[in-house]
């Protein structure tokens, strides 16, 4: 904990735009302890969390503790694999892709996800 706090303070003094803190623990106690201690030293720098292991905490709870950004790092990737397995299984069973049509997002809808201006 002390090492993480020392590094975080050093990073902010060196010009870091935000501090990302992560924990492999199944509950957020360690993260919340860090945030409480860090906020006593720095009330401005945004804090980013990646709650992969402690996924029951809501964004409102994070916000109330002083956390500014929540990144759901791998949920989209991990939920995509079952969908891809299902599509592959359907193609293998039917020896064609037609039966996957209802599982697919249209190209027209995909294109709407791309911003007009970058």
C-alpha atoms as a PDB file:
ATOM      1  CA  UNK A   1       0.000   0.000   0.000  1.00  0.00           C
ATOM      2  CA  UNK A   2       2.727   2.454   0.971  1.00  0.00           C
ATOM      3  CA  UNK A   3       4.666   1.695  -2.212  1.00  0.00           C
ATOM      4  CA  UNK A   4       1.571   2.266  -4.356  1.00  0.00           C
ATOM      5  CA  UNK A   5       0.871   5.575  -2.619  1.00  0.00           C
ATOM      6  CA  UNK A   6       4.482   6.717  -2.935  1.00  0.00           C
ATOM      7  CA  UNK A   7       4.500   5.922  -6.639  1.00  0.00           C
ATOM      8  CA  UNK A   8       1.104   7.533  -7.246  1.00  0.00           C
ATOM      9  CA  UNK A   9       2.158  10.774  -5.557  1.00  0.00           C
ATOM     10  CA  UNK A  10       5.446  10.760  -7.502  1.00  0.00           C
ATOM     11  CA  UNK A  11       3.565  10.177 -10.757  1.00  0.00           C
ATOM     12  CA  UNK A  12       1.222  13.089 -10.124  1.00  0.00           C
ATOM     13  CA  UNK A  13       4.123  15.372  -9.215  1.00  0.00           C
ATOM     14  CA  UNK A  14       5.773  14.314 -12.484  1.00  0.00           C
ATOM     15  CA  UNK A  15       2.649  15.347 -14.412  1.00  0.00           C
ATOM     16  CA  UNK A  16       0.494  12.224 -14.655  1.00  0.00           C
ATOM     17  CA  UNK A  17      -3.010  13.022 -15.880  1.00  0.00           C
ATOM     18  CA  UNK A  18      -4.589  10.247 -13.793  1.00  0.00           C
ATOM     19  CA  UNK A  19      -3.749   7.343 -11.508  1.00  0.00           C
ATOM     20  CA  UNK A  20      -4.965   3.851 -12.345  1.00  0.00           C
ATOM     21  CA  UNK A  21      -5.124   1.473  -9.412  1.00  0.00           C
ATOM     22  CA  UNK A  22      -5.849  -2.226  -9.730  1.00  0.00           C
ATOM     23  CA  UNK A  23      -6.232  -5.150  -7.359  1.00  0.00           C
ATOM     24  CA  UNK A  24      -6.579  -8.881  -7.872  1.00  0.00           C
ATOM     25  CA  UNK A  25      -8.550  -9.231  -4.655  1.00  0.00           C
ATOM     26  CA  UNK A  26     -12.187 -10.266  -4.892  1.00  0.00           C
ATOM     27  CA  UNK A  27     -13.386  -7.291  -2.863  1.00  0.00           C
ATOM     28  CA  UNK A  28     -12.651  -3.578  -3.228  1.00  0.00           C
ATOM     29  CA  UNK A  29     -11.283  -2.993   0.306  1.00  0.00           C
ATOM     30  CA  UNK A  30      -7.694  -2.561  -0.890  1.00  0.00           C
ATOM     31  CA  UNK A  31      -8.759  -0.150  -3.636  1.00  0.00           C
ATOM     32  CA  UNK A  32     -10.911   1.883  -1.276  1.00  0.00           C
ATOM     33  CA  UNK A  33      -8.067   2.052   1.259  1.00  0.00           C
ATOM     34  CA  UNK A  34      -5.736   3.369  -1.446  1.00  0.00           C
ATOM     35  CA  UNK A  35      -8.286   5.946  -2.600  1.00  0.00           C
ATOM     36  CA  UNK A  36      -8.928   7.194   0.948  1.00  0.00           C
ATOM     37  CA  UNK A  37      -5.202   7.623   1.587  1.00  0.00           C
ATOM     38  CA  UNK A  38      -4.471   9.096  -1.845  1.00  0.00           C
ATOM     39  CA  UNK A  39      -7.320  11.610  -1.587  1.00  0.00           C
ATOM     40  CA  UNK A  40      -5.821  12.960   1.657  1.00  0.00           C
ATOM     41  CA  UNK A  41      -2.760  13.919  -0.394  1.00  0.00           C
ATOM     42  CA  UNK A  42      -4.431  14.745  -3.728  1.00  0.00           C
ATOM     43  CA  UNK A  43      -8.079  15.643  -4.154  1.00  0.00           C
ATOM     44  CA  UNK A  44      -7.845  16.588  -7.834  1.00  0.00           C
ATOM     45  CA  UNK A  45      -6.070  13.922  -9.898  1.00  0.00           C
ATOM     46  CA  UNK A  46      -8.562  11.495 -11.451  1.00  0.00           C
ATOM     47  CA  UNK A  47      -8.426   7.914 -10.196  1.00  0.00           C
ATOM     48  CA  UNK A  48      -9.155   5.067 -12.605  1.00  0.00           C
ATOM     49  CA  UNK A  49     -10.171   1.533 -11.558  1.00  0.00           C
ATOM     50  CA  UNK A  50     -10.515  -1.744 -13.446  1.00  0.00           C
ATOM     51  CA  UNK A  51     -12.974  -3.823 -11.381  1.00  0.00           C
ATOM     52  CA  UNK A  52     -12.514  -7.190 -13.058  1.00  0.00           C
ATOM     53  CA  UNK A  53     -12.307  -9.157  -9.800  1.00  0.00           C
ATOM     54  CA  UNK A  54     -14.620  -7.044  -7.659  1.00  0.00           C
ATOM     55  CA  UNK A  55     -17.421  -6.667 -10.172  1.00  0.00           C
ATOM     56  CA  UNK A  56     -20.329  -6.201  -7.750  1.00  0.00           C
ATOM     57  CA  UNK A  57     -19.409  -2.593  -6.932  1.00  0.00           C
ATOM     58  CA  UNK A  58     -21.546  -0.048  -8.774  1.00  0.00           C
ATOM     59  CA  UNK A  59     -20.262   3.044 -10.522  1.00  0.00           C
ATOM     60  CA  UNK A  60     -22.116   5.173  -7.965  1.00  0.00           C
ATOM     61  CA  UNK A  61     -20.248   3.427  -5.143  1.00  0.00           C
ATOM     62  CA  UNK A  62     -16.937   4.077  -6.887  1.00  0.00           C
ATOM     63  CA  UNK A  63     -17.893   7.712  -7.440  1.00  0.00           C
ATOM     64  CA  UNK A  64     -18.861   8.131  -3.778  1.00  0.00           C
ATOM     65  CA  UNK A  65     -15.398   6.876  -2.782  1.00  0.00           C
ATOM     66  CA  UNK A  66     -13.652   9.415  -5.024  1.00  0.00           C
ATOM     67  CA  UNK A  67     -13.020   7.302  -8.117  1.00  0.00           C
ATOM     68  CA  UNK A  68     -13.528   9.090 -11.421  1.00  0.00           C
ATOM     69  CA  UNK A  69     -13.222   6.488 -14.194  1.00  0.00           C
ATOM     70  CA  UNK A  70     -14.241   2.831 -14.325  1.00  0.00           C
ATOM     71  CA  UNK A  71     -12.838   0.670 -17.111  1.00  0.00           C
ATOM     72  CA  UNK A  72     -14.525  -2.634 -17.867  1.00  0.00           C
ATOM     73  CA  UNK A  73     -11.342  -4.038 -19.329  1.00  0.00           C
ATOM     74  CA  UNK A  74     -12.251  -7.478 -20.563  1.00  0.00           C
ATOM     75  CA  UNK A  75     -15.972  -8.056 -20.184  1.00  0.00           C
ATOM     76  CA  UNK A  76     -16.693  -7.214 -23.829  1.00  0.00           C
ATOM     77  CA  UNK A  77     -13.960  -9.529 -25.063  1.00  0.00           C
ATOM     78  CA  UNK A  78     -14.958 -12.342 -22.708  1.00  0.00           C
ATOM     79  CA  UNK A  79     -18.641 -12.095 -23.637  1.00  0.00           C
ATOM     80  CA  UNK A  80     -17.743 -12.027 -27.337  1.00  0.00           C
ATOM     81  CA  UNK A  81     -16.109 -15.456 -27.245  1.00  0.00           C
ATOM     82  CA  UNK A  82     -19.296 -17.389 -26.396  1.00  0.00           C
ATOM     83  CA  UNK A  83     -21.054 -15.553 -29.244  1.00  0.00           C
ATOM     84  CA  UNK A  84     -18.254 -16.508 -31.653  1.00  0.00           C
ATOM     85  CA  UNK A  85     -18.322 -20.121 -30.445  1.00  0.00           C
ATOM     86  CA  UNK A  86     -22.075 -20.238 -30.988  1.00  0.00           C
ATOM     87  CA  UNK A  87     -21.722 -18.855 -34.516  1.00  0.00           C
ATOM     88  CA  UNK A  88     -18.905 -21.307 -35.318  1.00  0.00           C
ATOM     89  CA  UNK A  89     -20.939 -24.228 -33.956  1.00  0.00           C
ATOM     90  CA  UNK A  90     -23.954 -23.169 -36.037  1.00  0.00           C
ATOM     91  CA  UNK A  91     -21.838 -22.945 -39.207  1.00  0.00           C
ATOM     92  CA  UNK A  92     -20.247 -26.335 -38.549  1.00  0.00           C
ATOM     93  CA  UNK A  93     -23.612 -27.978 -37.873  1.00  0.00           C
ATOM     94  CA  UNK A  94     -25.256 -26.492 -40.980  1.00  0.00           C
ATOM     95  CA  UNK A  95     -22.252 -26.396 -43.308  1.00  0.00           C
ATOM     96  CA  UNK A  96     -23.128 -22.799 -44.199  1.00  0.00           C
ATOM     97  CA  UNK A  97     -23.536 -19.363 -42.574  1.00  0.00           C
ATOM     98  CA  UNK A  98     -27.231 -18.684 -43.356  1.00  0.00           C
ATOM     99  CA  UNK A  99     -28.367 -19.889 -39.929  1.00  0.00           C
ATOM    100  CA  UNK A 100     -26.158 -17.213 -38.292  1.00  0.00           C
ATOM    101  CA  UNK A 101     -28.068 -14.343 -39.894  1.00  0.00           C
ATOM    102  CA  UNK A 102     -30.231 -13.700 -36.819  1.00  0.00           C
ATOM    103  CA  UNK A 103     -27.109 -13.581 -34.616  1.00  0.00           C
ATOM    104  CA  UNK A 104     -25.398 -10.922 -36.732  1.00  0.00           C
ATOM    105  CA  UNK A 105     -25.465  -7.170 -36.448  1.00  0.00           C
ATOM    106  CA  UNK A 106     -26.072  -5.586 -39.820  1.00  0.00           C
ATOM    107  CA  UNK A 107     -23.203  -3.822 -41.564  1.00  0.00           C
ATOM    108  CA  UNK A 108     -25.447  -0.739 -41.709  1.00  0.00           C
ATOM    109  CA  UNK A 109     -25.703  -0.773 -37.888  1.00  0.00           C
ATOM    110  CA  UNK A 110     -21.978  -1.418 -37.486  1.00  0.00           C
ATOM    111  CA  UNK A 111     -21.170   1.605 -39.642  1.00  0.00           C
ATOM    112  CA  UNK A 112     -23.229   3.826 -37.319  1.00  0.00           C
ATOM    113  CA  UNK A 113     -20.756   2.989 -34.566  1.00  0.00           C
ATOM    114  CA  UNK A 114     -17.967   4.783 -36.448  1.00  0.00           C
ATOM    115  CA  UNK A 115     -17.913   8.519 -35.683  1.00  0.00           C
ATOM    116  CA  UNK A 116     -18.353  10.883 -38.642  1.00  0.00           C
ATOM    117  CA  UNK A 117     -15.478  13.019 -37.419  1.00  0.00           C
ATOM    118  CA  UNK A 118     -12.363  11.792 -35.728  1.00  0.00           C
END
